[in-house]
Protein backbone atom coordinates (compact mmCIF):
# COMPACT_ATOMS: atom_id res chain seq x y z
CA UNK A 1 5.86 -29.09 11.53
CA UNK A 2 4.91 -26.44 9.07
CA UNK A 3 4.07 -23.00 10.84
CA UNK A 4 1.18 -21.24 9.25
CA UNK A 5 0.57 -18.63 11.88
CA UNK A 6 2.04 -18.16 15.26
CA UNK A 7 -0.89 -20.53 16.66
CA UNK A 8 -1.11 -22.70 13.68
CA UNK A 9 1.18 -25.57 12.97
CA UNK A 10 0.39 -28.44 10.63
CA UNK A 11 2.26 -31.77 10.82
CA UNK A 12 4.05 -32.88 7.78
CA UNK A 13 2.67 -36.23 8.05
CA UNK A 14 -0.96 -34.87 7.30
CA UNK A 15 0.52 -33.91 3.62
CA UNK A 16 0.49 -36.39 1.00
CA UNK A 17 2.78 -35.48 -2.08
CA UNK A 18 3.00 -37.42 -5.29
CA UNK A 19 5.56 -36.58 -8.09
CA UNK A 20 4.36 -36.76 -11.59
CA UNK A 21 5.58 -35.98 -15.00
CA UNK A 22 5.21 -32.23 -15.65
CA UNK A 23 3.97 -30.54 -19.15
CA UNK A 24 5.86 -27.57 -20.51
CA UNK A 25 9.29 -26.61 -21.14
CA UNK A 26 12.19 -28.66 -20.17
CA UNK A 27 13.33 -30.59 -23.14
CA UNK A 28 14.06 -34.30 -22.44
CA UNK A 29 14.27 -33.79 -18.90
CA UNK A 30 10.31 -33.57 -18.81
CA UNK A 31 10.05 -36.94 -20.36
CA UNK A 32 12.86 -38.62 -17.84
CA UNK A 33 11.94 -36.90 -14.40
CA UNK A 34 8.83 -36.40 -12.44
CA UNK A 35 9.16 -32.66 -11.37
CA UNK A 36 5.53 -31.82 -10.86
CA UNK A 37 4.12 -32.10 -7.46
CA UNK A 38 0.48 -32.97 -6.51
CA UNK A 39 0.05 -31.94 -3.03
CA UNK A 40 -2.85 -33.22 -0.90
CA UNK A 41 -4.18 -32.12 2.32
CA UNK A 42 -7.45 -33.40 4.03
CA UNK A 43 -9.43 -30.60 5.64
CA UNK A 44 -11.88 -32.85 7.30
CA UNK A 45 -9.28 -35.18 9.12
CA UNK A 46 -6.66 -32.60 10.27
CA UNK A 47 -6.74 -31.76 13.96
CA UNK A 48 -4.44 -28.42 13.67
CA UNK A 49 -7.49 -26.43 12.61
CA UNK A 50 -10.53 -25.47 14.24
CA UNK A 51 -13.94 -26.12 12.87
CA UNK A 52 -14.59 -22.07 11.85
CA UNK A 53 -10.96 -22.34 10.09
CA UNK A 54 -11.98 -25.44 8.21
CA UNK A 55 -15.15 -24.30 6.98
CA UNK A 56 -13.56 -20.82 5.61
CA UNK A 57 -10.77 -23.08 4.23
CA UNK A 58 -13.35 -25.27 2.19
CA UNK A 59 -14.77 -21.95 0.94
CA UNK A 60 -11.44 -20.72 -0.23
CA UNK A 61 -10.21 -23.89 -1.93
CA UNK A 62 -13.30 -23.73 -4.12
CA UNK A 63 -12.69 -26.46 -6.97
CA UNK A 64 -9.45 -27.66 -5.38
CA UNK A 65 -11.52 -29.39 -2.52
CA UNK A 66 -12.84 -32.55 -3.76
CA UNK A 67 -15.77 -34.62 -2.53
CA UNK A 68 -13.71 -36.68 0.06
CA UNK A 69 -12.54 -33.29 1.66
CA UNK A 70 -8.93 -33.30 0.14
CA UNK A 71 -7.36 -30.09 -1.04
CA UNK A 72 -5.49 -31.00 -4.20
CA UNK A 73 -2.67 -28.70 -5.23
CA UNK A 74 -0.47 -29.14 -8.47
CA UNK A 75 2.51 -27.34 -8.72
CA UNK A 76 4.68 -27.65 -11.96
CA UNK A 77 5.73 -24.04 -12.29
CA UNK A 78 9.38 -24.94 -12.15
CA UNK A 79 11.57 -27.55 -13.88
CA UNK A 80 13.00 -28.46 -10.38
CA UNK A 81 11.06 -31.14 -8.24
CA UNK A 82 12.21 -29.03 -4.95
CA UNK A 83 11.08 -25.80 -6.12
CA UNK A 84 7.59 -27.17 -7.27
CA UNK A 85 7.31 -28.92 -3.89
CA UNK A 86 8.14 -25.71 -1.83
CA UNK A 87 5.82 -23.54 -4.54
CA UNK A 88 2.74 -26.20 -3.49
CA UNK A 89 3.38 -25.94 0.09
CA UNK A 90 3.72 -22.15 0.05
CA UNK A 91 0.30 -22.06 -1.68
CA UNK A 92 -1.24 -24.24 1.17
CA UNK A 93 0.10 -22.39 3.89
CA UNK A 94 -1.17 -19.02 2.05
CA UNK A 95 -4.75 -20.61 1.64
CA UNK A 96 -4.68 -21.71 5.60
CA UNK A 97 -3.26 -18.39 6.44
CA UNK A 98 -6.09 -16.46 4.42
CA UNK A 99 -8.83 -19.00 6.32
CA UNK A 100 -7.19 -18.25 9.72
CA UNK A 101 -8.30 -14.63 9.61
CA UNK A 102 -11.75 -14.11 10.78
CA UNK A 103 -13.96 -12.02 8.61
CA UNK A 104 -14.92 -8.56 10.12
CA UNK A 105 -18.16 -8.35 11.48
CA UNK A 106 -20.80 -6.23 9.64
CA UNK A 107 -21.73 -3.06 11.34
CA UNK A 108 -25.12 -2.01 10.42
CA UNK A 109 -25.70 1.57 9.37
CA UNK A 110 -28.53 3.62 8.86
CA UNK A 111 -29.20 6.16 5.81
CA UNK A 112 -28.87 9.93 7.11
CA UNK A 113 -32.00 12.19 7.15
CA UNK A 114 -30.70 14.11 4.16
CA UNK A 115 -30.11 10.92 2.34
CA UNK A 116 -33.65 9.74 2.86
CA UNK A 117 -34.97 13.29 1.70
CA UNK A 118 -32.84 13.38 -1.43
CA UNK A 119 -34.16 9.80 -2.36
CA UNK A 120 -37.87 10.82 -1.82
CA UNK A 121 -37.26 13.94 -3.92
CA UNK A 122 -35.67 12.03 -6.79
CA UNK A 123 -38.53 9.68 -6.74
CA UNK A 124 -41.29 12.30 -6.79
CA UNK A 125 -39.31 14.11 -9.60
CA UNK A 126 -39.07 10.75 -11.49
CA UNK A 127 -42.68 10.19 -11.14
CA UNK A 128 -43.55 13.74 -12.26
CA UNK A 129 -41.45 13.03 -15.51
CA UNK A 130 -43.39 9.77 -15.99
CA UNK A 131 -46.52 11.48 -15.39
CA UNK A 132 -45.77 14.17 -17.92
CA UNK A 133 -45.05 11.45 -20.77
CA UNK A 134 -48.43 10.01 -20.37
CA UNK A 135 -50.84 11.07 -22.95
CA UNK A 136 -53.23 11.90 -20.37
CA UNK A 137 -53.76 15.40 -19.00
CA UNK A 138 -53.29 16.15 -15.57
CA UNK A 139 -56.31 17.27 -13.08
CA UNK A 140 -54.39 20.14 -11.95
């Protein structure tokens, strides 16, 4: 079990890991060892998360979420397979932890009386400037 928050745990059986060859530095090691990790997690099929968390997670995942509902994370930052594996898992846990925090509800506010007066005065000043710019003489 992977603990995300004190209340959320993900079973390791829900994660699918594939090891592929990484690009970048590493010399011959890159050509011989599959050190990059492709971690997959199905958001739609998991029972560890509530519907609200799943919907926020889909939004956070963005382009890493494919049409079948899988979040695909590729980790090839390190030369070691084990470090890449833990990096991918940490990134997934961070995404789920971010989705677990509900957004703060918006508190409706109203402009103050002074702000309304300042706005109207600015509008009338601007209107007077535009009136003076026009070629027509005023009726005043």
